[in-house]
């Protein structure tokens, strides 16, 4: 995480991503945010980052807001489908936060 961005790599899926398409889904409304390097949402704060020849596909949310909190899922178009879900908690930096998450939980200060 850096500044007003929220990022997460699905590298724990351990696939050769050049052979498969990676998609990011917002679970609360099942909205497909990205597929491959293309963005399928009109909200321009969402983008996918994949350095050349990298196996890391990063979902970036610029200027994160409280409504961005929720579960996001990285899917790979294998048969059967492989996926990995992440809980994103956008927090107000001025409120004391007592909770700490696990490795698949992200906390991002309001941007």
PDB file of N, CA and C in Angstrom:
ATOM      1  N   UNK A   1       0.842  -1.174   0.000  1.00  0.00           N
ATOM      2  CA  UNK A   1       0.000   0.000   0.000  1.00  0.00           C
ATOM      3  C   UNK A   1       0.882   1.229   0.000  1.00  0.00           C
ATOM      4  N   UNK A   2       0.518   2.211  -0.821  1.00  0.00           N
ATOM      5  CA  UNK A   2       1.253   3.443  -0.794  1.00  0.00           C
ATOM      6  C   UNK A   2       0.285   4.601  -0.976  1.00  0.00           C
ATOM      7  N   UNK A   3       0.439   5.639  -0.165  1.00  0.00           N
ATOM      8  CA  UNK A   3      -0.370   6.837  -0.288  1.00  0.00           C
ATOM      9  C   UNK A   3      -1.853   6.544  -0.344  1.00  0.00           C
ATOM     10  N   UNK A   4      -2.491   6.958  -1.416  1.00  0.00           N
ATOM     11  CA  UNK A   4      -3.925   6.793  -1.579  1.00  0.00           C
ATOM     12  C   UNK A   4      -4.270   5.562  -2.412  1.00  0.00           C
ATOM     13  N   UNK A   5      -3.361   4.627  -2.526  1.00  0.00           N
ATOM     14  CA  UNK A   5      -3.591   3.457  -3.363  1.00  0.00           C
ATOM     15  C   UNK A   5      -3.770   2.210  -2.517  1.00  0.00           C
ATOM     16  N   UNK A   6      -4.538   1.294  -3.046  1.00  0.00           N
ATOM     17  CA  UNK A   6      -4.707  -0.007  -2.398  1.00  0.00           C
ATOM     18  C   UNK A   6      -4.248  -1.055  -3.389  1.00  0.00           C
ATOM     19  N   UNK A   7      -3.307  -1.893  -3.013  1.00  0.00           N
ATOM     20  CA  UNK A   7      -2.783  -2.874  -3.949  1.00  0.00           C
ATOM     21  C   UNK A   7      -2.732  -4.239  -3.297  1.00  0.00           C
ATOM     22  N   UNK A   8      -2.858  -5.250  -4.106  1.00  0.00           N
ATOM     23  CA  UNK A   8      -2.732  -6.621  -3.600  1.00  0.00           C
ATOM     24  C   UNK A   8      -2.324  -7.530  -4.746  1.00  0.00           C
ATOM     25  N   UNK A   9      -1.347  -8.376  -4.501  1.00  0.00           N
ATOM     26  CA  UNK A   9      -0.875  -9.325  -5.504  1.00  0.00           C
ATOM     27  C   UNK A   9      -1.440 -10.710  -5.242  1.00  0.00           C
ATOM     28  N   UNK A  10      -1.976 -11.373  -6.263  1.00  0.00           N
ATOM     29  CA  UNK A  10      -2.460 -12.744  -6.090  1.00  0.00           C
ATOM     30  C   UNK A  10      -1.371 -13.767  -6.349  1.00  0.00           C
ATOM     31  N   UNK A  11      -0.130 -13.438  -6.052  1.00  0.00           N
ATOM     32  CA  UNK A  11       0.987 -14.319  -6.406  1.00  0.00           C
ATOM     33  C   UNK A  11       0.931 -15.660  -5.693  1.00  0.00           C
ATOM     34  N   UNK A  12       0.147 -15.782  -4.630  1.00  0.00           N
ATOM     35  CA  UNK A  12       0.075 -17.053  -3.917  1.00  0.00           C
ATOM     36  C   UNK A  12      -0.695 -18.120  -4.694  1.00  0.00           C
ATOM     37  N   UNK A  13      -1.271 -17.751  -5.843  1.00  0.00           N
ATOM     38  CA  UNK A  13      -1.948 -18.756  -6.669  1.00  0.00           C
ATOM     39  C   UNK A  13      -0.940 -19.620  -7.432  1.00  0.00           C
ATOM     40  N   UNK A  14       0.294 -19.154  -7.564  1.00  0.00           N
ATOM     41  CA  UNK A  14       1.383 -19.923  -8.171  1.00  0.00           C
ATOM     42  C   UNK A  14       1.037 -20.496  -9.536  1.00  0.00           C
ATOM     43  N   UNK A  15       0.723 -19.621 -10.470  1.00  0.00           N
ATOM     44  CA  UNK A  15       0.422 -20.049 -11.831  1.00  0.00           C
ATOM     45  C   UNK A  15       1.355 -19.343 -12.801  1.00  0.00           C
ATOM     46  N   UNK A  16       1.481 -19.891 -13.984  1.00  0.00           N
ATOM     47  CA  UNK A  16       2.164 -19.198 -15.058  1.00  0.00           C
ATOM     48  C   UNK A  16       1.115 -18.334 -15.739  1.00  0.00           C
ATOM     49  N   UNK A  17       1.066 -17.045 -15.380  1.00  0.00           N
ATOM     50  CA  UNK A  17      -0.010 -16.172 -15.803  1.00  0.00           C
ATOM     51  C   UNK A  17       0.006 -15.856 -17.288  1.00  0.00           C
ATOM     52  N   UNK A  18       1.092 -16.127 -17.983  1.00  0.00           N
ATOM     53  CA  UNK A  18       1.119 -15.880 -19.416  1.00  0.00           C
ATOM     54  C   UNK A  18       0.160 -16.806 -20.154  1.00  0.00           C
ATOM     55  N   UNK A  19      -0.215 -17.939 -19.558  1.00  0.00           N
ATOM     56  CA  UNK A  19      -1.094 -18.900 -20.208  1.00  0.00           C
ATOM     57  C   UNK A  19      -2.557 -18.689 -19.859  1.00  0.00           C
ATOM     58  N   UNK A  20      -2.842 -17.900 -18.833  1.00  0.00           N
ATOM     59  CA  UNK A  20      -4.198 -17.751 -18.334  1.00  0.00           C
ATOM     60  C   UNK A  20      -4.557 -16.282 -18.190  1.00  0.00           C
ATOM     61  N   UNK A  21      -5.861 -16.001 -18.122  1.00  0.00           N
ATOM     62  CA  UNK A  21      -6.322 -14.644 -17.898  1.00  0.00           C
ATOM     63  C   UNK A  21      -6.695 -14.471 -16.432  1.00  0.00           C
ATOM     64  N   UNK A  22      -6.234 -13.375 -15.847  1.00  0.00           N
ATOM     65  CA  UNK A  22      -6.520 -13.052 -14.449  1.00  0.00           C
ATOM     66  C   UNK A  22      -7.582 -11.961 -14.429  1.00  0.00           C
ATOM     67  N   UNK A  23      -8.605 -12.142 -13.586  1.00  0.00           N
ATOM     68  CA  UNK A  23      -9.664 -11.148 -13.427  1.00  0.00           C
ATOM     69  C   UNK A  23      -9.803 -10.779 -11.958  1.00  0.00           C
ATOM     70  N   UNK A  24     -10.231  -9.556 -11.713  1.00  0.00           N
ATOM     71  CA  UNK A  24     -10.548  -9.100 -10.369  1.00  0.00           C
ATOM     72  C   UNK A  24     -12.041  -8.824 -10.299  1.00  0.00           C
ATOM     73  N   UNK A  25     -12.709  -9.369  -9.274  1.00  0.00           N
ATOM     74  CA  UNK A  25     -14.154  -9.264  -9.082  1.00  0.00           C
ATOM     75  C   UNK A  25     -14.418  -8.600  -7.732  1.00  0.00           C
ATOM     76  N   UNK A  26     -15.391  -7.669  -7.701  1.00  0.00           N
ATOM     77  CA  UNK A  26     -15.864  -7.133  -6.420  1.00  0.00           C
ATOM     78  C   UNK A  26     -17.043  -8.002  -6.009  1.00  0.00           C
ATOM     79  N   UNK A  27     -16.928  -8.691  -4.883  1.00  0.00           N
ATOM     80  CA  UNK A  27     -17.898  -9.725  -4.503  1.00  0.00           C
ATOM     81  C   UNK A  27     -19.277  -9.183  -4.112  1.00  0.00           C
ATOM     82  N   UNK A  28     -19.368  -7.973  -3.527  1.00  0.00           N
ATOM     83  CA  UNK A  28     -20.676  -7.499  -3.042  1.00  0.00           C
ATOM     84  C   UNK A  28     -21.695  -7.368  -4.152  1.00  0.00           C
ATOM     85  N   UNK A  29     -21.242  -7.071  -5.371  1.00  0.00           N
ATOM     86  CA  UNK A  29     -22.169  -6.953  -6.493  1.00  0.00           C
ATOM     87  C   UNK A  29     -21.745  -7.808  -7.685  1.00  0.00           C
ATOM     88  N   UNK A  30     -20.716  -8.652  -7.483  1.00  0.00           N
ATOM     89  CA  UNK A  30     -20.176  -9.535  -8.524  1.00  0.00           C
ATOM     90  C   UNK A  30     -19.746  -8.774  -9.772  1.00  0.00           C
ATOM     91  N   UNK A  31     -19.320  -7.543  -9.572  1.00  0.00           N
ATOM     92  CA  UNK A  31     -18.888  -6.716 -10.696  1.00  0.00           C
ATOM     93  C   UNK A  31     -17.482  -7.121 -11.127  1.00  0.00           C
ATOM     94  N   UNK A  32     -17.306  -7.387 -12.414  1.00  0.00           N
ATOM     95  CA  UNK A  32     -15.978  -7.662 -12.963  1.00  0.00           C
ATOM     96  C   UNK A  32     -15.269  -6.322 -13.100  1.00  0.00           C
ATOM     97  N   UNK A  33     -14.200  -6.148 -12.347  1.00  0.00           N
ATOM     98  CA  UNK A  33     -13.453  -4.894 -12.366  1.00  0.00           C
ATOM     99  C   UNK A  33     -12.412  -4.889 -13.474  1.00  0.00           C
ATOM    100  N   UNK A  34     -11.676  -6.007 -13.583  1.00  0.00           N
ATOM    101  CA  UNK A  34     -10.649  -6.118 -14.614  1.00  0.00           C
ATOM    102  C   UNK A  34     -10.626  -7.542 -15.151  1.00  0.00           C
ATOM    103  N   UNK A  35     -10.199  -7.670 -16.390  1.00  0.00           N
ATOM    104  CA  UNK A  35      -9.944  -8.973 -17.012  1.00  0.00           C
ATOM    105  C   UNK A  35      -8.701  -8.798 -17.859  1.00  0.00           C
ATOM    106  N   UNK A  36      -7.676  -9.550 -17.528  1.00  0.00           N
ATOM    107  CA  UNK A  36      -6.392  -9.302 -18.178  1.00  0.00           C
ATOM    108  C   UNK A  36      -5.943  -7.898 -17.790  1.00  0.00           C
ATOM    109  N   UNK A  37      -5.472  -7.130 -18.771  1.00  0.00           N
ATOM    110  CA  UNK A  37      -5.036  -5.762 -18.494  1.00  0.00           C
ATOM    111  C   UNK A  37      -6.145  -4.748 -18.747  1.00  0.00           C
ATOM    112  N   UNK A  38      -7.342  -5.216 -19.137  1.00  0.00           N
ATOM    113  CA  UNK A  38      -8.454  -4.324 -19.429  1.00  0.00           C
ATOM    114  C   UNK A  38      -9.289  -4.059 -18.183  1.00  0.00           C
ATOM    115  N   UNK A  39      -9.792  -2.824 -18.056  1.00  0.00           N
ATOM    116  CA  UNK A  39     -10.645  -2.440 -16.941  1.00  0.00           C
ATOM    117  C   UNK A  39     -12.089  -2.403 -17.426  1.00  0.00           C
ATOM    118  N   UNK A  40     -12.997  -3.044 -16.674  1.00  0.00           N
ATOM    119  CA  UNK A  40     -14.404  -3.156 -17.053  1.00  0.00           C
ATOM    120  C   UNK A  40     -15.323  -2.435 -16.077  1.00  0.00           C
ATOM    121  N   UNK A  41     -14.874  -1.345 -15.524  1.00  0.00           N
ATOM    122  CA  UNK A  41     -15.714  -0.536 -14.660  1.00  0.00           C
ATOM    123  C   UNK A  41     -15.559   0.918 -15.077  1.00  0.00           C
ATOM    124  N   UNK A  42     -16.623   1.683 -14.947  1.00  0.00           N
ATOM    125  CA  UNK A  42     -16.546   3.098 -15.307  1.00  0.00           C
ATOM    126  C   UNK A  42     -15.856   3.916 -14.214  1.00  0.00           C
ATOM    127  N   UNK A  43     -15.645   3.312 -13.047  1.00  0.00           N
ATOM    128  CA  UNK A  43     -14.949   3.981 -11.947  1.00  0.00           C
ATOM    129  C   UNK A  43     -13.456   3.970 -12.244  1.00  0.00           C
ATOM    130  N   UNK A  44     -12.940   5.107 -12.633  1.00  0.00           N
ATOM    131  CA  UNK A  44     -11.553   5.202 -13.088  1.00  0.00           C
ATOM    132  C   UNK A  44     -10.519   5.080 -11.973  1.00  0.00           C
ATOM    133  N   UNK A  45     -10.972   4.919 -10.740  1.00  0.00           N
ATOM    134  CA  UNK A  45     -10.037   4.711  -9.628  1.00  0.00           C
ATOM    135  C   UNK A  45      -9.464   3.296  -9.642  1.00  0.00           C
ATOM    136  N   UNK A  46     -10.142   2.372 -10.332  1.00  0.00           N
ATOM    137  CA  UNK A  46      -9.722   0.967 -10.386  1.00  0.00           C
ATOM    138  C   UNK A  46      -8.855   0.729 -11.612  1.00  0.00           C
ATOM    139  N   UNK A  47      -7.751   0.047 -11.397  1.00  0.00           N
ATOM    140  CA  UNK A  47      -6.892  -0.353 -12.500  1.00  0.00           C
ATOM    141  C   UNK A  47      -6.118  -1.595 -12.080  1.00  0.00           C
ATOM    142  N   UNK A  48      -5.589  -2.294 -13.061  1.00  0.00           N
ATOM    143  CA  UNK A  48      -4.745  -3.455 -12.766  1.00  0.00           C
ATOM    144  C   UNK A  48      -3.326  -3.109 -13.187  1.00  0.00           C
ATOM    145  N   UNK A  49      -2.385  -3.551 -12.374  1.00  0.00           N
ATOM    146  CA  UNK A  49      -0.977  -3.314 -12.657  1.00  0.00           C
ATOM    147  C   UNK A  49      -0.301  -4.660 -12.817  1.00  0.00           C
ATOM    148  N   UNK A  50       0.382  -4.821 -13.927  1.00  0.00           N
ATOM    149  CA  UNK A  50       1.167  -6.039 -14.156  1.00  0.00           C
ATOM    150  C   UNK A  50       2.456  -5.654 -14.875  1.00  0.00           C
ATOM    151  N   UNK A  51       3.554  -5.628 -14.149  1.00  0.00           N
ATOM    152  CA  UNK A  51       4.833  -5.344 -14.819  1.00  0.00           C
ATOM    153  C   UNK A  51       5.114  -6.386 -15.898  1.00  0.00           C
ATOM    154  N   UNK A  52       5.840  -5.990 -16.941  1.00  0.00           N
ATOM    155  CA  UNK A  52       6.162  -6.903 -18.040  1.00  0.00           C
ATOM    156  C   UNK A  52       6.734  -8.217 -17.532  1.00  0.00           C
ATOM    157  N   UNK A  53       6.205  -9.312 -18.048  1.00  0.00           N
ATOM    158  CA  UNK A  53       6.660 -10.678 -17.753  1.00  0.00           C
ATOM    159  C   UNK A  53       6.565 -11.027 -16.269  1.00  0.00           C
ATOM    160  N   UNK A  54       5.747 -10.312 -15.544  1.00  0.00           N
ATOM    161  CA  UNK A  54       5.582 -10.584 -14.117  1.00  0.00           C
ATOM    162  C   UNK A  54       4.409 -11.532 -13.903  1.00  0.00           C
ATOM    163  N   UNK A  55       4.469 -12.308 -12.828  1.00  0.00           N
ATOM    164  CA  UNK A  55       3.355 -13.163 -12.448  1.00  0.00           C
ATOM    165  C   UNK A  55       2.429 -12.456 -11.462  1.00  0.00           C
ATOM    166  N   UNK A  56       2.737 -11.216 -11.117  1.00  0.00           N
ATOM    167  CA  UNK A  56       1.941 -10.464 -10.152  1.00  0.00           C
ATOM    168  C   UNK A  56       0.940  -9.574 -10.867  1.00  0.00           C
ATOM    169  N   UNK A  57      -0.330  -9.761 -10.554  1.00  0.00           N
ATOM    170  CA  UNK A  57      -1.424  -8.927 -11.056  1.00  0.00           C
ATOM    171  C   UNK A  57      -1.950  -8.170  -9.849  1.00  0.00           C
ATOM    172  N   UNK A  58      -1.824  -6.860  -9.842  1.00  0.00           N
ATOM    173  CA  UNK A  58      -2.168  -6.039  -8.691  1.00  0.00           C
ATOM    174  C   UNK A  58      -3.407  -5.207  -9.006  1.00  0.00           C
ATOM    175  N   UNK A  59      -4.414  -5.299  -8.147  1.00  0.00           N
ATOM    176  CA  UNK A  59      -5.566  -4.419  -8.256  1.00  0.00           C
ATOM    177  C   UNK A  59      -5.243  -3.149  -7.485  1.00  0.00           C
ATOM    178  N   UNK A  60      -5.368  -2.005  -8.141  1.00  0.00           N
ATOM    179  CA  UNK A  60      -5.102  -0.725  -7.503  1.00  0.00           C
ATOM    180  C   UNK A  60      -6.406   0.063  -7.439  1.00  0.00           C
ATOM    181  N   UNK A  61      -6.689   0.620  -6.260  1.00  0.00           N
ATOM    182  CA  UNK A  61      -7.842   1.493  -6.065  1.00  0.00           C
ATOM    183  C   UNK A  61      -7.292   2.829  -5.591  1.00  0.00           C
ATOM    184  N   UNK A  62      -7.348   3.834  -6.446  1.00  0.00           N
ATOM    185  CA  UNK A  62      -6.859   5.160  -6.066  1.00  0.00           C
ATOM    186  C   UNK A  62      -7.932   5.894  -5.266  1.00  0.00           C
ATOM    187  N   UNK A  63      -7.502   6.737  -4.360  1.00  0.00           N
ATOM    188  CA  UNK A  63      -8.414   7.544  -3.529  1.00  0.00           C
ATOM    189  C   UNK A  63      -9.489   6.661  -2.903  1.00  0.00           C
ATOM    190  N   UNK A  64      -9.057   5.654  -2.174  1.00  0.00           N
ATOM    191  CA  UNK A  64      -9.986   4.689  -1.577  1.00  0.00           C
ATOM    192  C   UNK A  64     -10.963   5.384  -0.640  1.00  0.00           C
ATOM    193  N   UNK A  65     -12.167   4.826  -0.587  1.00  0.00           N
ATOM    194  CA  UNK A  65     -13.250   5.365   0.229  1.00  0.00           C
ATOM    195  C   UNK A  65     -13.830   4.247   1.068  1.00  0.00           C
ATOM    196  N   UNK A  66     -14.575   4.617   2.112  1.00  0.00           N
ATOM    197  CA  UNK A  66     -15.185   3.622   2.978  1.00  0.00           C
ATOM    198  C   UNK A  66     -16.033   2.626   2.212  1.00  0.00           C
ATOM    199  N   UNK A  67     -16.726   3.079   1.161  1.00  0.00           N
ATOM    200  CA  UNK A  67     -17.576   2.172   0.382  1.00  0.00           C
ATOM    201  C   UNK A  67     -16.777   1.136  -0.417  1.00  0.00           C
ATOM    202  N   UNK A  68     -15.457   1.320  -0.497  1.00  0.00           N
ATOM    203  CA  UNK A  68     -14.615   0.336  -1.184  1.00  0.00           C
ATOM    204  C   UNK A  68     -14.318  -0.869  -0.299  1.00  0.00           C
ATOM    205  N   UNK A  69     -14.622  -0.774   0.980  1.00  0.00           N
ATOM    206  CA  UNK A  69     -14.410  -1.911   1.885  1.00  0.00           C
ATOM    207  C   UNK A  69     -15.238  -3.096   1.407  1.00  0.00           C
ATOM    208  N   UNK A  70     -14.676  -4.279   1.555  1.00  0.00           N
ATOM    209  CA  UNK A  70     -15.396  -5.485   1.166  1.00  0.00           C
ATOM    210  C   UNK A  70     -14.453  -6.543   0.656  1.00  0.00           C
ATOM    211  N   UNK A  71     -15.038  -7.572   0.061  1.00  0.00           N
ATOM    212  CA  UNK A  71     -14.263  -8.704  -0.442  1.00  0.00           C
ATOM    213  C   UNK A  71     -14.018  -8.531  -1.934  1.00  0.00           C
ATOM    214  N   UNK A  72     -12.771  -8.716  -2.315  1.00  0.00           N
ATOM    215  CA  UNK A  72     -12.359  -8.692  -3.713  1.00  0.00           C
ATOM    216  C   UNK A  72     -11.761 -10.053  -4.022  1.00  0.00           C
ATOM    217  N   UNK A  73     -12.025 -10.555  -5.218  1.00  0.00           N
ATOM    218  CA  UNK A  73     -11.555 -11.889  -5.572  1.00  0.00           C
ATOM    219  C   UNK A  73     -10.740 -11.829  -6.855  1.00  0.00           C
ATOM    220  N   UNK A  74      -9.590 -12.448  -6.804  1.00  0.00           N
ATOM    221  CA  UNK A  74      -8.756 -12.637  -7.978  1.00  0.00           C
ATOM    222  C   UNK A  74      -9.105 -14.006  -8.551  1.00  0.00           C
ATOM    223  N   UNK A  75      -9.471 -14.054  -9.838  1.00  0.00           N
ATOM    224  CA  UNK A  75      -9.841 -15.314 -10.480  1.00  0.00           C
ATOM    225  C   UNK A  75      -8.910 -15.580 -11.656  1.00  0.00           C
ATOM    226  N   UNK A  76      -8.602 -16.843 -11.850  1.00  0.00           N
ATOM    227  CA  UNK A  76      -7.795 -17.266 -12.990  1.00  0.00           C
ATOM    228  C   UNK A  76      -8.631 -18.245 -13.790  1.00  0.00           C
ATOM    229  N   UNK A  77      -8.683 -18.057 -15.111  1.00  0.00           N
ATOM    230  CA  UNK A  77      -9.575 -18.851 -15.954  1.00  0.00           C
ATOM    231  C   UNK A  77      -9.026 -20.251 -16.251  1.00  0.00           C
ATOM    232  N   UNK A  78      -8.792 -20.993 -15.210  1.00  0.00           N
ATOM    233  CA  UNK A  78      -8.379 -22.388 -15.353  1.00  0.00           C
ATOM    234  C   UNK A  78      -9.621 -23.264 -15.231  1.00  0.00           C
ATOM    235  N   UNK A  79      -9.483 -24.529 -15.479  1.00  0.00           N
ATOM    236  CA  UNK A  79     -10.587 -25.483 -15.295  1.00  0.00           C
ATOM    237  C   UNK A  79     -10.120 -26.560 -14.352  1.00  0.00           C
ATOM    238  N   UNK A  80     -10.607 -26.630 -13.116  1.00  0.00           N
ATOM    239  CA  UNK A  80     -11.614 -25.732 -12.545  1.00  0.00           C
ATOM    240  C   UNK A  80     -11.017 -24.361 -12.236  1.00  0.00           C
ATOM    241  N   UNK A  81     -11.895 -23.367 -12.067  1.00  0.00           N
ATOM    242  CA  UNK A  81     -11.480 -21.993 -11.789  1.00  0.00           C
ATOM    243  C   UNK A  81     -10.667 -21.946 -10.497  1.00  0.00           C
ATOM    244  N   UNK A  82      -9.610 -21.154 -10.512  1.00  0.00           N
ATOM    245  CA  UNK A  82      -8.835 -20.895  -9.300  1.00  0.00           C
ATOM    246  C   UNK A  82      -9.131 -19.464  -8.869  1.00  0.00           C
ATOM    247  N   UNK A  83      -9.252 -19.268  -7.570  1.00  0.00           N
ATOM    248  CA  UNK A  83      -9.526 -17.921  -7.082  1.00  0.00           C
ATOM    249  C   UNK A  83      -8.952 -17.740  -5.686  1.00  0.00           C
ATOM    250  N   UNK A  84      -8.777 -16.491  -5.323  1.00  0.00           N
ATOM    251  CA  UNK A  84      -8.280 -16.127  -4.016  1.00  0.00           C
ATOM    252  C   UNK A  84      -8.985 -14.834  -3.606  1.00  0.00           C
ATOM    253  N   UNK A  85      -9.618 -14.829  -2.435  1.00  0.00           N
ATOM    254  CA  UNK A  85     -10.377 -13.667  -1.974  1.00  0.00           C
ATOM    255  C   UNK A  85      -9.589 -12.878  -0.942  1.00  0.00           C
ATOM    256  N   UNK A  86      -9.825 -11.562  -0.932  1.00  0.00           N
ATOM    257  CA  UNK A  86      -9.180 -10.658  -0.001  1.00  0.00           C
ATOM    258  C   UNK A  86     -10.234  -9.747   0.606  1.00  0.00           C
ATOM    259  N   UNK A  87     -10.164  -9.546   1.904  1.00  0.00           N
ATOM    260  CA  UNK A  87     -11.038  -8.590   2.588  1.00  0.00           C
ATOM    261  C   UNK A  87     -10.302  -7.267   2.676  1.00  0.00           C
ATOM    262  N   UNK A  88     -10.873  -6.212   2.117  1.00  0.00           N
ATOM    263  CA  UNK A  88     -10.301  -4.876   2.191  1.00  0.00           C
ATOM    264  C   UNK A  88     -11.107  -4.065   3.197  1.00  0.00           C
ATOM    265  N   UNK A  89     -10.432  -3.490   4.178  1.00  0.00           N
ATOM    266  CA  UNK A  89     -11.058  -2.610   5.158  1.00  0.00           C
ATOM    267  C   UNK A  89     -10.450  -1.229   4.989  1.00  0.00           C
ATOM    268  N   UNK A  90     -11.244  -0.279   4.516  1.00  0.00           N
ATOM    269  CA  UNK A  90     -10.786   1.103   4.397  1.00  0.00           C
ATOM    270  C   UNK A  90     -11.096   1.775   5.725  1.00  0.00           C
ATOM    271  N   UNK A  91     -10.074   2.337   6.350  1.00  0.00           N
ATOM    272  CA  UNK A  91     -10.244   2.901   7.687  1.00  0.00           C
ATOM    273  C   UNK A  91      -9.970   4.402   7.690  1.00  0.00           C
ATOM    274  N   UNK A  92     -10.561   5.090   8.634  1.00  0.00           N
ATOM    275  CA  UNK A  92     -10.314   6.503   8.847  1.00  0.00           C
ATOM    276  C   UNK A  92      -9.056   6.611   9.710  1.00  0.00           C
ATOM    277  N   UNK A  93      -8.004   7.286   9.240  1.00  0.00           N
ATOM    278  CA  UNK A  93      -6.746   7.334   9.996  1.00  0.00           C
ATOM    279  C   UNK A  93      -6.875   8.063  11.328  1.00  0.00           C
ATOM    280  N   UNK A  94      -7.974   8.794  11.536  1.00  0.00           N
ATOM    281  CA  UNK A  94      -8.148   9.531  12.772  1.00  0.00           C
ATOM    282  C   UNK A  94      -8.886   8.726  13.830  1.00  0.00           C
ATOM    283  N   UNK A  95      -9.394   7.547  13.459  1.00  0.00           N
ATOM    284  CA  UNK A  95     -10.040   6.675  14.426  1.00  0.00           C
ATOM    285  C   UNK A  95      -9.045   5.623  14.879  1.00  0.00           C
ATOM    286  N   UNK A  96      -9.053   5.297  16.153  1.00  0.00           N
ATOM    287  CA  UNK A  96      -8.168   4.259  16.676  1.00  0.00           C
ATOM    288  C   UNK A  96      -8.668   2.908  16.187  1.00  0.00           C
ATOM    289  N   UNK A  97      -7.765   2.115  15.623  1.00  0.00           N
ATOM    290  CA  UNK A  97      -8.139   0.809  15.078  1.00  0.00           C
ATOM    291  C   UNK A  97      -7.531  -0.277  15.948  1.00  0.00           C
ATOM    292  N   UNK A  98      -8.373  -1.037  16.595  1.00  0.00           N
ATOM    293  CA  UNK A  98      -7.933  -2.116  17.486  1.00  0.00           C
ATOM    294  C   UNK A  98      -7.740  -3.433  16.748  1.00  0.00           C
ATOM    295  N   UNK A  99      -8.358  -3.580  15.569  1.00  0.00           N
ATOM    296  CA  UNK A  99      -8.375  -4.867  14.884  1.00  0.00           C
ATOM    297  C   UNK A  99      -7.191  -5.004  13.937  1.00  0.00           C
ATOM    298  N   UNK A 100      -6.611  -6.132  13.921  1.00  0.00           N
ATOM    299  CA  UNK A 100      -5.561  -6.463  12.959  1.00  0.00           C
ATOM    300  C   UNK A 100      -6.007  -7.698  12.200  1.00  0.00           C
ATOM    301  N   UNK A 101      -5.811  -7.687  10.872  1.00  0.00           N
ATOM    302  CA  UNK A 101      -6.318  -8.774  10.036  1.00  0.00           C
ATOM    303  C   UNK A 101      -5.290  -9.841   9.773  1.00  0.00           C
ATOM    304  N   UNK A 102      -5.712 -10.834   9.000  1.00  0.00           N
ATOM    305  CA  UNK A 102      -4.810 -11.909   8.605  1.00  0.00           C
ATOM    306  C   UNK A 102      -4.120 -11.530   7.298  1.00  0.00           C
ATOM    307  N   UNK A 103      -3.404 -12.463   6.702  1.00  0.00           N
ATOM    308  CA  UNK A 103      -2.620 -12.155   5.507  1.00  0.00           C
ATOM    309  C   UNK A 103      -3.469 -11.811   4.300  1.00  0.00           C
ATOM    310  N   UNK A 104      -4.749 -12.183   4.265  1.00  0.00           N
ATOM    311  CA  UNK A 104      -5.614 -11.864   3.152  1.00  0.00           C
ATOM    312  C   UNK A 104      -6.545 -10.712   3.482  1.00  0.00           C
ATOM    313  N   UNK A 105      -6.182  -9.914   4.456  1.00  0.00           N
ATOM    314  CA  UNK A 105      -6.993  -8.761   4.836  1.00  0.00           C
ATOM    315  C   UNK A 105      -6.140  -7.516   4.764  1.00  0.00           C
ATOM    316  N   UNK A 106      -6.635  -6.500   4.088  1.00  0.00           N
ATOM    317  CA  UNK A 106      -5.910  -5.272   3.895  1.00  0.00           C
ATOM    318  C   UNK A 106      -6.627  -4.139   4.584  1.00  0.00           C
ATOM    319  N   UNK A 107      -5.883  -3.210   5.141  1.00  0.00           N
ATOM    320  CA  UNK A 107      -6.458  -2.004   5.689  1.00  0.00           C
ATOM    321  C   UNK A 107      -5.831  -0.819   4.968  1.00  0.00           C
ATOM    322  N   UNK A 108      -6.677   0.109   4.513  1.00  0.00           N
ATOM    323  CA  UNK A 108      -6.219   1.242   3.744  1.00  0.00           C
ATOM    324  C   UNK A 108      -6.797   2.520   4.313  1.00  0.00           C
ATOM    325  N   UNK A 109      -5.957   3.493   4.683  1.00  0.00           N
ATOM    326  CA  UNK A 109      -6.502   4.761   5.171  1.00  0.00           C
ATOM    327  C   UNK A 109      -7.350   5.431   4.096  1.00  0.00           C
ATOM    328  N   UNK A 110      -8.391   6.141   4.528  1.00  0.00           N
ATOM    329  CA  UNK A 110      -9.217   6.882   3.583  1.00  0.00           C
ATOM    330  C   UNK A 110      -8.345   7.845   2.807  1.00  0.00           C
ATOM    331  N   UNK A 111      -8.517   7.883   1.483  1.00  0.00           N
ATOM    332  CA  UNK A 111      -7.710   8.737   0.631  1.00  0.00           C
ATOM    333  C   UNK A 111      -8.362  10.037   0.448  1.00  0.00           C
TER     334      UNK A 111
END
